[in-house]
Amino acid sequence: MPDMSGRPIVLVVDDEHVIADTLALILGKNGFAVRVAYHAEEAVRLAELLPPDIVISDVLLDGANGIRTAVRIADLAPGCRVLLISGQTIAPQLIQDAHAEGRGFEVILKPVHPQKLLNKLKEISGGGEGSSAVA
């Protein structure tokens, strides 16, 4: 469900603060309402309070599985789309496990190019919500 201004709500989940904050800045400047979580449990709490339209989660979080976290959030917000980001070599097996459970999560490899991410978000959010200019 979009926020009060009609912007899609994106929850960014990454234990690397610089990555999470940078993604939030880029997305915020390009028409998305953004919330940031640096830990799995924080992400779930935020999703309970305000269900996101899109979750962008690192696959491997400090002490947690980002895919399991995304599954929990998707269960809380059934219409939510999930985009996983990863730079880890073990991620394909974790993602394959999620797909085996019927989860159609999409994946972008790190480092994430801002324009590629914005294009993907525009695609999965239905088109015209976020603009495509990288600030």
Protein backbone atom coordinates (compact mmCIF):
# COMPACT_ATOMS: atom_id res chain seq x y z
CA MET A 1 0.00 0.00 0.00
CA PRO A 2 1.53 3.33 -1.04
CA ASP A 3 2.09 6.05 1.55
CA MET A 4 -0.27 9.02 2.01
CA SER A 5 1.29 10.83 -0.96
CA GLY A 6 0.81 7.81 -3.22
CA ARG A 7 4.49 6.86 -3.32
CA PRO A 8 5.36 3.14 -3.13
CA ILE A 9 6.84 2.19 0.25
CA VAL A 10 10.24 0.50 -0.02
CA LEU A 11 11.87 -1.22 2.94
CA VAL A 12 15.65 -1.45 2.53
CA VAL A 13 17.28 -4.14 4.68
CA ASP A 14 21.07 -4.30 4.83
CA ASP A 15 23.46 -4.63 7.76
CA GLU A 16 26.00 -2.49 5.94
CA HIS A 17 24.83 0.98 6.96
CA VAL A 18 26.54 2.77 4.08
CA ILE A 19 24.80 0.58 1.50
CA ALA A 20 21.39 0.82 3.18
CA ASP A 21 21.64 4.58 3.64
CA THR A 22 22.90 5.16 0.10
CA LEU A 23 20.08 3.10 -1.39
CA ALA A 24 17.56 4.97 0.76
CA LEU A 25 18.91 8.33 -0.38
CA ILE A 26 18.78 7.36 -4.06
CA LEU A 27 15.29 5.88 -3.79
CA GLY A 28 13.96 8.81 -1.78
CA LYS A 29 15.21 11.27 -4.40
CA ASN A 30 13.51 9.21 -7.10
CA GLY A 31 9.95 9.15 -5.83
CA PHE A 32 9.84 6.31 -3.31
CA ALA A 33 8.88 6.45 0.38
CA VAL A 34 11.80 4.64 2.05
CA ARG A 35 12.30 2.96 5.39
CA VAL A 36 15.63 1.43 6.42
CA ALA A 37 16.43 -1.50 8.69
CA TYR A 38 19.93 -2.65 9.58
CA HIS A 39 18.87 -5.90 11.28
CA ALA A 40 16.40 -8.68 10.46
CA GLU A 41 14.20 -8.19 13.51
CA GLU A 42 14.10 -4.44 12.96
CA ALA A 43 12.93 -5.06 9.38
CA VAL A 44 10.11 -7.34 10.54
CA ARG A 45 8.98 -4.78 13.17
CA LEU A 46 8.92 -2.00 10.57
CA ALA A 47 6.93 -4.20 8.18
CA GLU A 48 4.40 -4.94 10.93
CA LEU A 49 3.91 -1.22 11.57
CA LEU A 50 3.72 -0.16 7.93
CA PRO A 51 3.62 -2.97 5.37
CA PRO A 52 5.93 -2.17 2.45
CA ASP A 53 5.12 -2.46 -1.24
CA ILE A 54 8.68 -3.55 -2.00
CA VAL A 55 11.46 -5.03 0.12
CA ILE A 56 15.09 -4.75 -0.95
CA SER A 57 17.09 -7.09 1.26
CA ASP A 58 20.66 -8.24 1.37
CA VAL A 59 20.75 -12.04 1.21
CA LEU A 60 23.21 -12.40 4.08
CA LEU A 61 22.60 -10.19 7.09
CA ASP A 62 24.79 -10.11 10.18
CA GLY A 63 23.60 -13.11 12.19
CA ALA A 64 20.52 -13.66 10.04
CA ASN A 65 19.33 -14.99 6.72
CA GLY A 66 18.01 -12.15 4.58
CA ILE A 67 15.88 -14.52 2.53
CA ARG A 68 14.13 -15.86 5.66
CA THR A 69 13.60 -12.26 6.74
CA ALA A 70 12.10 -11.42 3.34
CA VAL A 71 9.80 -14.46 3.61
CA ARG A 72 8.56 -13.26 7.02
CA ILE A 73 7.92 -9.77 5.65
CA ALA A 74 6.17 -11.12 2.54
CA ASP A 75 3.91 -13.16 4.83
CA LEU A 76 3.02 -9.97 6.74
CA ALA A 77 2.43 -8.01 3.52
CA PRO A 78 1.16 -10.52 0.92
CA GLY A 79 1.21 -8.04 -1.99
CA CYS A 80 4.80 -7.05 -1.26
CA ARG A 81 7.43 -7.62 -3.95
CA VAL A 82 10.90 -8.77 -2.86
CA LEU A 83 14.17 -7.85 -4.50
CA LEU A 84 17.26 -9.53 -3.06
CA ILE A 85 20.76 -8.10 -3.39
CA SER A 86 23.87 -10.16 -2.87
CA GLY A 87 27.58 -10.22 -3.42
CA GLN A 88 28.05 -13.62 -1.81
CA THR A 89 28.85 -16.85 -3.62
CA ILE A 90 26.56 -18.96 -1.40
CA ALA A 91 23.55 -16.84 -2.28
CA PRO A 92 22.46 -18.91 -5.33
CA GLN A 93 21.74 -21.95 -3.16
CA LEU A 94 19.78 -19.87 -0.64
CA ILE A 95 17.81 -18.27 -3.45
CA GLN A 96 17.17 -21.67 -5.05
CA ASP A 97 15.80 -22.86 -1.69
CA ALA A 98 13.44 -19.88 -1.58
CA HIS A 99 12.24 -20.58 -5.12
CA ALA A 100 11.65 -24.23 -4.16
CA GLU A 101 9.26 -22.92 -1.48
CA GLY A 102 7.32 -21.04 -4.15
CA ARG A 103 8.88 -17.63 -3.51
CA GLY A 104 9.51 -15.74 -6.74
CA PHE A 105 12.10 -13.35 -5.38
CA GLU A 106 14.24 -11.44 -7.86
CA VAL A 107 17.98 -10.96 -7.41
CA ILE A 108 20.45 -8.21 -8.26
CA LEU A 109 24.14 -8.75 -7.63
CA LYS A 110 26.28 -6.29 -5.68
CA PRO A 111 27.61 -3.81 -6.40
CA VAL A 112 24.19 -2.47 -7.36
CA HIS A 113 24.21 0.21 -10.03
CA PRO A 114 21.63 2.86 -9.05
CA GLN A 115 20.05 3.11 -12.51
CA LYS A 116 19.71 -0.68 -12.77
CA LEU A 117 17.99 -0.75 -9.37
CA LEU A 118 15.64 2.11 -10.29
CA ASN A 119 14.74 0.41 -13.57
CA LYS A 120 13.99 -2.84 -11.74
CA LEU A 121 11.87 -1.04 -9.13
CA LYS A 122 9.95 0.78 -11.83
CA GLU A 123 9.33 -2.57 -13.53
CA ILE A 124 8.12 -4.41 -10.42
CA SER A 125 6.10 -1.52 -8.98
CA GLY A 126 3.97 -1.21 -12.07
CA GLY A 127 5.70 1.46 -14.04
CA GLY A 128 5.29 5.10 -13.34
CA GLU A 129 5.62 5.51 -9.59
CA GLY A 130 9.31 6.27 -9.23
CA SER A 131 11.09 8.45 -11.74
CA SER A 132 14.11 7.05 -13.52
CA ALA A 133 16.60 9.86 -13.02
CA VAL A 134 19.43 9.07 -10.63
CA ALA A 135 20.15 11.99 -8.34
